[in-house]
PDB file of N, CA and C in Angstrom:
ATOM      1  N   LEU A   1      -0.119 -19.493  -2.329  1.00  0.00           N
ATOM      2  CA  LEU A   1       0.323 -19.115  -0.894  1.00  0.00           C
ATOM      3  C   LEU A   1      -0.077 -17.526  -0.625  1.00  0.00           C
ATOM      4  N   LEU A   2       0.037 -16.714  -1.847  1.00  0.00           N
ATOM      5  CA  LEU A   2      -0.457 -15.514  -1.746  1.00  0.00           C
ATOM      6  C   LEU A   2      -1.969 -15.249  -1.326  1.00  0.00           C
ATOM      7  N   MET A   3      -2.714 -16.018  -2.113  1.00  0.00           N
ATOM      8  CA  MET A   3      -4.064 -16.073  -1.941  1.00  0.00           C
ATOM      9  C   MET A   3      -4.522 -16.484  -0.417  1.00  0.00           C
ATOM     10  N   ALA A   4      -3.929 -17.427   0.159  1.00  0.00           N
ATOM     11  CA  ALA A   4      -3.940 -17.820   1.408  1.00  0.00           C
ATOM     12  C   ALA A   4      -3.628 -16.784   2.367  1.00  0.00           C
ATOM     13  N   ALA A   5      -2.515 -16.276   2.173  1.00  0.00           N
ATOM     14  CA  ALA A   5      -2.137 -15.092   3.055  1.00  0.00           C
ATOM     15  C   ALA A   5      -3.082 -13.873   3.170  1.00  0.00           C
ATOM     16  N   MET A   6      -3.504 -13.578   1.925  1.00  0.00           N
ATOM     17  CA  MET A   6      -4.408 -12.356   1.811  1.00  0.00           C
ATOM     18  C   MET A   6      -5.859 -12.873   2.397  1.00  0.00           C
ATOM     19  N   ALA A   7      -6.105 -14.150   2.413  1.00  0.00           N
ATOM     20  CA  ALA A   7      -7.411 -14.264   2.951  1.00  0.00           C
ATOM     21  C   ALA A   7      -7.425 -14.655   4.548  1.00  0.00           C
ATOM     22  N   ASP A   8      -6.118 -14.658   5.074  1.00  0.00           N
ATOM     23  CA  ASP A   8      -5.942 -14.894   6.364  1.00  0.00           C
ATOM     24  C   ASP A   8      -6.318 -13.787   7.221  1.00  0.00           C
ATOM     25  N   GLY A   9      -7.432 -13.560   7.985  1.00  0.00           N
ATOM     26  CA  GLY A   9      -7.821 -12.489   8.704  1.00  0.00           C
ATOM     27  C   GLY A   9      -6.950 -11.989   9.661  1.00  0.00           C
ATOM     28  N   SER A  10      -6.075 -12.739  10.109  1.00  0.00           N
ATOM     29  CA  SER A  10      -5.057 -12.220  11.058  1.00  0.00           C
ATOM     30  C   SER A  10      -3.731 -11.462  10.450  1.00  0.00           C
ATOM     31  N   ARG A  11      -3.846 -11.487   9.254  1.00  0.00           N
ATOM     32  CA  ARG A  11      -2.808 -10.770   8.489  1.00  0.00           C
ATOM     33  C   ARG A  11      -3.345  -9.286   8.063  1.00  0.00           C
ATOM     34  N   ARG A  12      -2.610  -8.328   8.305  1.00  0.00           N
ATOM     35  CA  ARG A  12      -3.162  -7.046   7.796  1.00  0.00           C
ATOM     36  C   ARG A  12      -2.095  -6.414   6.800  1.00  0.00           C
ATOM     37  N   LEU A  13      -1.187  -7.257   6.302  1.00  0.00           N
ATOM     38  CA  LEU A  13      -0.200  -6.641   5.281  1.00  0.00           C
ATOM     39  C   LEU A  13       0.560  -7.898   4.687  1.00  0.00           C
ATOM     40  N   VAL A  14       0.573  -8.040   3.507  1.00  0.00           N
ATOM     41  CA  VAL A  14       1.244  -9.002   2.763  1.00  0.00           C
ATOM     42  C   VAL A  14       2.146  -8.193   1.891  1.00  0.00           C
ATOM     43  N   VAL A  15       3.536  -8.789   1.886  1.00  0.00           N
ATOM     44  CA  VAL A  15       4.552  -8.136   1.049  1.00  0.00           C
ATOM     45  C   VAL A  15       4.989  -9.118   0.099  1.00  0.00           C
ATOM     46  N   VAL A  16       5.030  -8.777  -1.135  1.00  0.00           N
ATOM     47  CA  VAL A  16       5.750  -9.476  -2.263  1.00  0.00           C
ATOM     48  C   VAL A  16       6.971  -8.908  -2.822  1.00  0.00           C
ATOM     49  N   ALA A  17       7.974  -9.543  -2.594  1.00  0.00           N
ATOM     50  CA  ALA A  17       9.324  -8.880  -3.139  1.00  0.00           C
ATOM     51  C   ALA A  17      10.112 -10.078  -3.884  1.00  0.00           C
ATOM     52  N   GLY A  18      10.877  -9.696  -4.790  1.00  0.00           N
ATOM     53  CA  GLY A  18      11.603 -10.430  -5.478  1.00  0.00           C
ATOM     54  C   GLY A  18      12.687  -9.773  -6.617  1.00  0.00           C
ATOM     55  N   PRO A  19      13.358 -10.325  -7.469  1.00  0.00           N
ATOM     56  CA  PRO A  19      14.251  -9.670  -8.416  1.00  0.00           C
ATOM     57  C   PRO A  19      13.246  -9.278  -9.624  1.00  0.00           C
ATOM     58  N   ALA A  20      13.633  -8.364 -10.435  1.00  0.00           N
ATOM     59  CA  ALA A  20      12.700  -7.648 -11.508  1.00  0.00           C
ATOM     60  C   ALA A  20      12.664  -8.784 -12.409  1.00  0.00           C
ATOM     61  N   GLY A  21      11.411  -8.506 -13.024  1.00  0.00           N
ATOM     62  CA  GLY A  21      11.109  -9.682 -14.173  1.00  0.00           C
ATOM     63  C   GLY A  21      10.698 -10.915 -13.902  1.00  0.00           C
ATOM     64  N   VAL A  22      10.358 -11.301 -12.711  1.00  0.00           N
ATOM     65  CA  VAL A  22       9.877 -12.670 -12.322  1.00  0.00           C
ATOM     66  C   VAL A  22       8.427 -12.788 -12.287  1.00  0.00           C
ATOM     67  N   GLY A  23       7.625 -11.678 -12.473  1.00  0.00           N
ATOM     68  CA  GLY A  23       6.180 -11.742 -12.611  1.00  0.00           C
ATOM     69  C   GLY A  23       5.435 -11.343 -11.303  1.00  0.00           C
ATOM     70  N   LYS A  24       6.069 -10.573 -10.347  1.00  0.00           N
ATOM     71  CA  LYS A  24       5.577 -10.121  -9.137  1.00  0.00           C
ATOM     72  C   LYS A  24       4.235  -9.393  -9.466  1.00  0.00           C
ATOM     73  N   THR A  25       4.343  -8.474 -10.390  1.00  0.00           N
ATOM     74  CA  THR A  25       3.217  -7.556 -10.720  1.00  0.00           C
ATOM     75  C   THR A  25       1.955  -8.262 -11.135  1.00  0.00           C
ATOM     76  N   ARG A  26       2.297  -9.089 -12.125  1.00  0.00           N
ATOM     77  CA  ARG A  26       1.186 -10.098 -12.590  1.00  0.00           C
ATOM     78  C   ARG A  26       0.594 -10.764 -11.563  1.00  0.00           C
ATOM     79  N   LEU A  27       1.302 -11.623 -10.731  1.00  0.00           N
ATOM     80  CA  LEU A  27       0.832 -12.386  -9.630  1.00  0.00           C
ATOM     81  C   LEU A  27       0.036 -11.616  -8.813  1.00  0.00           C
ATOM     82  N   VAL A  28       0.480 -10.382  -8.234  1.00  0.00           N
ATOM     83  CA  VAL A  28      -0.174  -9.575  -7.331  1.00  0.00           C
ATOM     84  C   VAL A  28      -1.470  -9.053  -7.903  1.00  0.00           C
ATOM     85  N   GLU A  29      -1.540  -8.580  -9.101  1.00  0.00           N
ATOM     86  CA  GLU A  29      -2.760  -8.020  -9.772  1.00  0.00           C
ATOM     87  C   GLU A  29      -3.676  -9.281  -9.838  1.00  0.00           C
ATOM     88  N   HIS A  30      -3.189 -10.341 -10.327  1.00  0.00           N
ATOM     89  CA  HIS A  30      -4.299 -11.492 -10.437  1.00  0.00           C
ATOM     90  C   HIS A  30      -4.866 -11.880  -9.079  1.00  0.00           C
ATOM     91  N   CYS A  31      -4.056 -12.015  -8.088  1.00  0.00           N
ATOM     92  CA  CYS A  31      -4.579 -12.564  -6.702  1.00  0.00           C
ATOM     93  C   CYS A  31      -5.312 -11.449  -6.141  1.00  0.00           C
ATOM     94  N   LEU A  32      -5.051 -10.169  -6.209  1.00  0.00           N
ATOM     95  CA  LEU A  32      -5.550  -9.100  -5.515  1.00  0.00           C
ATOM     96  C   LEU A  32      -7.147  -8.920  -6.221  1.00  0.00           C
ATOM     97  N   ALA A  33      -7.126  -9.172  -7.512  1.00  0.00           N
ATOM     98  CA  ALA A  33      -8.495  -8.999  -8.136  1.00  0.00           C
ATOM     99  C   ALA A  33      -9.390 -10.156  -7.696  1.00  0.00           C
ATOM    100  N   GLU A  34      -8.819 -11.365  -7.500  1.00  0.00           N
ATOM    101  CA  GLU A  34      -9.586 -12.625  -7.128  1.00  0.00           C
ATOM    102  C   GLU A  34      -9.832 -12.254  -5.602  1.00  0.00           C
ATOM    103  N   HIS A  35      -9.028 -11.866  -4.788  1.00  0.00           N
ATOM    104  CA  HIS A  35      -9.337 -11.542  -3.410  1.00  0.00           C
ATOM    105  C   HIS A  35     -10.496 -10.545  -3.325  1.00  0.00           C
ATOM    106  N   LEU A  36     -10.390  -9.467  -4.020  1.00  0.00           N
ATOM    107  CA  LEU A  36     -11.461  -8.392  -4.012  1.00  0.00           C
ATOM    108  C   LEU A  36     -12.716  -8.883  -4.426  1.00  0.00           C
ATOM    109  N   SER A  37     -12.716  -9.668  -5.624  1.00  0.00           N
ATOM    110  CA  SER A  37     -14.081 -10.207  -5.963  1.00  0.00           C
ATOM    111  C   SER A  37     -14.779 -11.028  -5.095  1.00  0.00           C
ATOM    112  N   SER A  38     -13.982 -11.770  -4.207  1.00  0.00           N
ATOM    113  CA  SER A  38     -14.534 -12.647  -3.236  1.00  0.00           C
ATOM    114  C   SER A  38     -14.987 -11.825  -1.983  1.00  0.00           C
ATOM    115  N   GLY A  39     -15.032 -10.674  -2.070  1.00  0.00           N
ATOM    116  CA  GLY A  39     -15.380  -9.742  -0.874  1.00  0.00           C
ATOM    117  C   GLY A  39     -14.134  -9.368  -0.030  1.00  0.00           C
ATOM    118  N   GLY A  40     -13.005  -9.667  -0.380  1.00  0.00           N
ATOM    119  CA  GLY A  40     -11.814  -9.245   0.467  1.00  0.00           C
ATOM    120  C   GLY A  40     -11.549  -7.724   0.237  1.00  0.00           C
ATOM    121  N   HIS A  41     -10.678  -7.247   1.185  1.00  0.00           N
ATOM    122  CA  HIS A  41     -10.372  -6.010   1.176  1.00  0.00           C
ATOM    123  C   HIS A  41      -8.795  -5.768   0.791  1.00  0.00           C
ATOM    124  N   GLY A  42      -8.366  -4.833   0.306  1.00  0.00           N
ATOM    125  CA  GLY A  42      -6.873  -4.734   0.115  1.00  0.00           C
ATOM    126  C   GLY A  42      -6.617  -3.513  -0.901  1.00  0.00           C
ATOM    127  N   ARG A  43      -5.426  -3.180  -0.844  1.00  0.00           N
ATOM    128  CA  ARG A  43      -4.841  -2.145  -1.663  1.00  0.00           C
ATOM    129  C   ARG A  43      -3.502  -2.556  -2.328  1.00  0.00           C
ATOM    130  N   ARG A  44      -3.126  -2.101  -3.479  1.00  0.00           N
ATOM    131  CA  ARG A  44      -1.654  -2.435  -3.868  1.00  0.00           C
ATOM    132  C   ARG A  44      -0.875  -1.147  -3.778  1.00  0.00           C
ATOM    133  N   CYS A  45       0.450  -1.336  -3.315  1.00  0.00           N
ATOM    134  CA  CYS A  45       1.304  -0.202  -3.139  1.00  0.00           C
ATOM    135  C   CYS A  45       2.617  -0.851  -3.884  1.00  0.00           C
ATOM    136  N   ILE A  46       3.201   0.114  -4.706  1.00  0.00           N
ATOM    137  CA  ILE A  46       4.538  -0.429  -5.410  1.00  0.00           C
ATOM    138  C   ILE A  46       5.685   0.438  -5.002  1.00  0.00           C
ATOM    139  N   ALA A  47       6.556  -0.202  -4.639  1.00  0.00           N
ATOM    140  CA  ALA A  47       7.931   0.412  -4.160  1.00  0.00           C
ATOM    141  C   ALA A  47       9.128   0.130  -5.227  1.00  0.00           C
ATOM    142  N   ASN A  48       9.715   1.180  -5.777  1.00  0.00           N
ATOM    143  CA  ASN A  48      10.867   0.874  -6.569  1.00  0.00           C
ATOM    144  C   ASN A  48      11.773   2.041  -6.487  1.00  0.00           C
ATOM    145  N   VAL A  49      12.904   1.790  -7.060  1.00  0.00           N
ATOM    146  CA  VAL A  49      14.024   2.704  -6.950  1.00  0.00           C
ATOM    147  C   VAL A  49      13.566   4.216  -7.399  1.00  0.00           C
ATOM    148  N   SER A  50      12.848   4.165  -8.559  1.00  0.00           N
ATOM    149  CA  SER A  50      12.382   5.457  -9.255  1.00  0.00           C
ATOM    150  C   SER A  50      11.605   6.366  -8.201  1.00  0.00           C
ATOM    151  N   LEU A  51      10.933   5.477  -7.062  1.00  0.00           N
ATOM    152  CA  LEU A  51      10.187   6.270  -6.102  1.00  0.00           C
ATOM    153  C   LEU A  51      10.898   6.581  -4.760  1.00  0.00           C
ATOM    154  N   SER A  52      12.242   6.298  -4.657  1.00  0.00           N
ATOM    155  CA  SER A  52      12.976   6.335  -3.540  1.00  0.00           C
ATOM    156  C   SER A  52      13.067   7.908  -3.148  1.00  0.00           C
ATOM    157  N   SER A  53      13.045   8.911  -4.019  1.00  0.00           N
ATOM    158  CA  SER A  53      13.293  10.144  -3.673  1.00  0.00           C
ATOM    159  C   SER A  53      11.878  10.927  -3.457  1.00  0.00           C
ATOM    160  N   VAL A  54      10.751  10.306  -3.701  1.00  0.00           N
ATOM    161  CA  VAL A  54       9.346  10.857  -3.501  1.00  0.00           C
ATOM    162  C   VAL A  54       8.966  10.444  -2.117  1.00  0.00           C
ATOM    163  N   PRO A  55       8.936  11.538  -1.183  1.00  0.00           N
ATOM    164  CA  PRO A  55       8.259  11.227   0.048  1.00  0.00           C
ATOM    165  C   PRO A  55       7.024  10.201   0.096  1.00  0.00           C
ATOM    166  N   PHE A  56       7.240   9.194   1.026  1.00  0.00           N
ATOM    167  CA  PHE A  56       6.012   8.114   0.986  1.00  0.00           C
ATOM    168  C   PHE A  56       5.560   7.690  -0.434  1.00  0.00           C
ATOM    169  N   GLY A  57       6.548   7.609  -1.463  1.00  0.00           N
ATOM    170  CA  GLY A  57       6.395   7.380  -2.868  1.00  0.00           C
ATOM    171  C   GLY A  57       5.541   5.969  -2.974  1.00  0.00           C
ATOM    172  N   ALA A  58       5.825   5.012  -2.249  1.00  0.00           N
ATOM    173  CA  ALA A  58       5.160   3.709  -2.581  1.00  0.00           C
ATOM    174  C   ALA A  58       3.759   3.740  -1.984  1.00  0.00           C
ATOM    175  N   LEU A  59       3.529   4.653  -0.924  1.00  0.00           N
ATOM    176  CA  LEU A  59       2.312   4.588  -0.171  1.00  0.00           C
ATOM    177  C   LEU A  59       1.398   5.872  -0.590  1.00  0.00           C
ATOM    178  N   ALA A  60       2.008   6.706  -1.533  1.00  0.00           N
ATOM    179  CA  ALA A  60       1.290   7.919  -1.954  1.00  0.00           C
ATOM    180  C   ALA A  60      -0.193   7.695  -2.244  1.00  0.00           C
ATOM    181  N   GLY A  61      -0.496   6.464  -3.009  1.00  0.00           N
ATOM    182  CA  GLY A  61      -1.934   6.195  -3.179  1.00  0.00           C
ATOM    183  C   GLY A  61      -2.834   5.924  -2.197  1.00  0.00           C
ATOM    184  N   LEU A  62      -2.310   5.832  -0.880  1.00  0.00           N
ATOM    185  CA  LEU A  62      -3.001   5.647   0.260  1.00  0.00           C
ATOM    186  C   LEU A  62      -3.348   6.853   1.008  1.00  0.00           C
ATOM    187  N   ILE A  63      -2.654   8.045   0.766  1.00  0.00           N
ATOM    188  CA  ILE A  63      -2.835   9.225   1.623  1.00  0.00           C
ATOM    189  C   ILE A  63      -4.078   9.908   1.237  1.00  0.00           C
ATOM    190  N   PRO A  64      -4.911  10.069   2.053  1.00  0.00           N
ATOM    191  CA  PRO A  64      -6.026  10.785   1.707  1.00  0.00           C
ATOM    192  C   PRO A  64      -5.828  12.177   1.129  1.00  0.00           C
ATOM    193  N   SER A  65      -6.508  12.601   0.093  1.00  0.00           N
ATOM    194  CA  SER A  65      -6.307  13.833  -0.745  1.00  0.00           C
ATOM    195  C   SER A  65      -6.299  15.118   0.203  1.00  0.00           C
ATOM    196  N   GLU A  66      -7.165  15.054   1.173  1.00  0.00           N
ATOM    197  CA  GLU A  66      -7.084  16.264   2.084  1.00  0.00           C
ATOM    198  C   GLU A  66      -5.844  16.331   2.828  1.00  0.00           C
ATOM    199  N   ALA A  67      -4.981  15.415   3.079  1.00  0.00           N
ATOM    200  CA  ALA A  67      -3.945  15.534   3.944  1.00  0.00           C
ATOM    201  C   ALA A  67      -2.702  15.745   3.086  1.00  0.00           C
ATOM    202  N   ILE A  68      -2.684  15.913   1.743  1.00  0.00           N
ATOM    203  CA  ILE A  68      -1.467  16.191   1.012  1.00  0.00           C
ATOM    204  C   ILE A  68      -1.227  17.647   0.927  1.00  0.00           C
ATOM    205  N   GLY A  69      -0.217  18.019   1.424  1.00  0.00           N
ATOM    206  CA  GLY A  69       0.425  19.385   1.563  1.00  0.00           C
ATOM    207  C   GLY A  69       0.659  19.934   0.084  1.00  0.00           C
ATOM    208  N   HIS A  70       0.976  21.279   0.098  1.00  0.00           N
ATOM    209  CA  HIS A  70       1.175  21.807  -1.288  1.00  0.00           C
ATOM    210  C   HIS A  70       2.596  22.411  -1.172  1.00  0.00           C
ATOM    211  N   GLY A  71       3.354  22.118  -0.291  1.00  0.00           N
ATOM    212  CA  GLY A  71       4.799  22.601  -0.168  1.00  0.00           C
ATOM    213  C   GLY A  71       5.623  21.322   0.166  1.00  0.00           C
ATOM    214  N   PRO A  72       6.928  21.480   0.106  1.00  0.00           N
ATOM    215  CA  PRO A  72       7.811  20.369   0.544  1.00  0.00           C
ATOM    216  C   PRO A  72       8.188  20.420   1.887  1.00  0.00           C
ATOM    217  N   SER A  73       7.719  21.245   2.804  1.00  0.00           N
ATOM    218  CA  SER A  73       8.118  21.475   4.195  1.00  0.00           C
ATOM    219  C   SER A  73       7.772  20.099   4.914  1.00  0.00           C
ATOM    220  N   GLY A  74       8.590  19.963   5.997  1.00  0.00           N
ATOM    221  CA  GLY A  74       8.579  18.891   6.888  1.00  0.00           C
ATOM    222  C   GLY A  74       7.330  18.641   7.529  1.00  0.00           C
ATOM    223  N   THR A  75       6.508  19.760   7.895  1.00  0.00           N
ATOM    224  CA  THR A  75       5.421  19.838   8.484  1.00  0.00           C
ATOM    225  C   THR A  75       4.107  19.223   7.512  1.00  0.00           C
ATOM    226  N   ASP A  76       4.195  19.464   6.346  1.00  0.00           N
ATOM    227  CA  ASP A  76       3.358  18.883   5.341  1.00  0.00           C
ATOM    228  C   ASP A  76       3.553  17.453   5.239  1.00  0.00           C
ATOM    229  N   ARG A  77       4.651  16.954   5.294  1.00  0.00           N
ATOM    230  CA  ARG A  77       5.120  15.493   5.207  1.00  0.00           C
ATOM    231  C   ARG A  77       4.657  14.809   6.571  1.00  0.00           C
ATOM    232  N   LEU A  78       4.847  15.354   7.507  1.00  0.00           N
ATOM    233  CA  LEU A  78       4.272  14.865   8.779  1.00  0.00           C
ATOM    234  C   LEU A  78       2.824  14.796   8.864  1.00  0.00           C
ATOM    235  N   VAL A  79       2.113  15.632   8.266  1.00  0.00           N
ATOM    236  CA  VAL A  79       0.525  15.753   8.245  1.00  0.00           C
ATOM    237  C   VAL A  79       0.076  14.564   7.243  1.00  0.00           C
ATOM    238  N   ALA A  80       0.811  14.405   6.246  1.00  0.00           N
ATOM    239  CA  ALA A  80       0.496  13.361   5.299  1.00  0.00           C
ATOM    240  C   ALA A  80       0.699  12.007   5.944  1.00  0.00           C
ATOM    241  N   PHE A  81       1.893  11.855   6.457  1.00  0.00           N
ATOM    242  CA  PHE A  81       2.147  10.587   7.122  1.00  0.00           C
ATOM    243  C   PHE A  81       1.226  10.161   8.335  1.00  0.00           C
ATOM    244  N   SER A  82       0.860  11.289   8.981  1.00  0.00           N
ATOM    245  CA  SER A  82      -0.270  11.116  10.172  1.00  0.00           C
ATOM    246  C   SER A  82      -1.308  10.759   9.577  1.00  0.00           C
ATOM    247  N   ALA A  83      -1.871  11.186   8.407  1.00  0.00           N
ATOM    248  CA  ALA A  83      -3.186  10.896   7.802  1.00  0.00           C
ATOM    249  C   ALA A  83      -3.163   9.770   7.296  1.00  0.00           C
ATOM    250  N   LEU A  84      -1.953   9.164   6.731  1.00  0.00           N
ATOM    251  CA  LEU A  84      -1.951   7.694   6.241  1.00  0.00           C
ATOM    252  C   LEU A  84      -1.959   6.551   7.311  1.00  0.00           C
ATOM    253  N   VAL A  85      -1.277   6.960   8.516  1.00  0.00           N
ATOM    254  CA  VAL A  85      -1.335   6.030   9.605  1.00  0.00           C
ATOM    255  C   VAL A  85      -2.653   5.999  10.001  1.00  0.00           C
ATOM    256  N   GLU A  86      -3.399   6.950  10.194  1.00  0.00           N
ATOM    257  CA  GLU A  86      -4.824   7.005  10.671  1.00  0.00           C
ATOM    258  C   GLU A  86      -5.710   6.200   9.771  1.00  0.00           C
ATOM    259  N   HIS A  87      -5.462   6.552   8.484  1.00  0.00           N
ATOM    260  CA  HIS A  87      -6.397   5.775   7.312  1.00  0.00           C
ATOM    261  C   HIS A  87      -6.093   4.281   7.418  1.00  0.00           C
ATOM    262  N   LEU A  88      -4.763   3.790   7.635  1.00  0.00           N
ATOM    263  CA  LEU A  88      -4.563   2.470   7.662  1.00  0.00           C
ATOM    264  C   LEU A  88      -5.153   1.824   9.024  1.00  0.00           C
ATOM    265  N   ARG A  89      -5.042   2.583  10.059  1.00  0.00           N
ATOM    266  CA  ARG A  89      -5.867   2.165  11.299  1.00  0.00           C
ATOM    267  C   ARG A  89      -7.133   2.049  11.014  1.00  0.00           C
ATOM    268  N   SER A  90      -7.948   2.926  10.489  1.00  0.00           N
ATOM    269  CA  SER A  90      -9.347   2.860  10.188  1.00  0.00           C
ATOM    270  C   SER A  90      -9.664   1.519   9.371  1.00  0.00           C
ATOM    271  N   LEU A  91      -8.518   0.982   8.570  1.00  0.00           N
ATOM    272  CA  LEU A  91      -8.750  -0.236   7.922  1.00  0.00           C
ATOM    273  C   LEU A  91      -8.558  -1.392   8.532  1.00  0.00           C
ATOM    274  N   GLY A  92      -8.169  -1.268   9.886  1.00  0.00           N
ATOM    275  CA  GLY A  92      -7.670  -2.254  10.710  1.00  0.00           C
ATOM    276  C   GLY A  92      -6.357  -2.897  10.910  1.00  0.00           C
ATOM    277  N   ALA A  93      -5.435  -1.896  10.403  1.00  0.00           N
ATOM    278  CA  ALA A  93      -4.081  -2.225  10.541  1.00  0.00           C
ATOM    279  C   ALA A  93      -3.666  -1.803  12.035  1.00  0.00           C
ATOM    280  N   THR A  94      -2.618  -2.585  12.494  1.00  0.00           N
ATOM    281  CA  THR A  94      -2.210  -2.368  13.924  1.00  0.00           C
ATOM    282  C   THR A  94      -0.720  -1.957  14.028  1.00  0.00           C
TER     283      THR A  94
END
């Protein structure tokens, strides 16, 4: 089901969620590797409780480096979030 969802061109986002320890990470890593090797596009983001205090913690890997501010101000966070949104749009997200 996950491979089919990732291959479906009408989908721009696939979320895998469930209890800890059931194999989500292994499943996603395997399916994403297969999807990418067959020419697909995608990135993996991980959300968990330990990242809840980090602004955009689960999405930090998608923020372009030039958009990452050097201070904790709200302006820096807004710039980073805007850059993230634009980056995702450039990848085809709506």
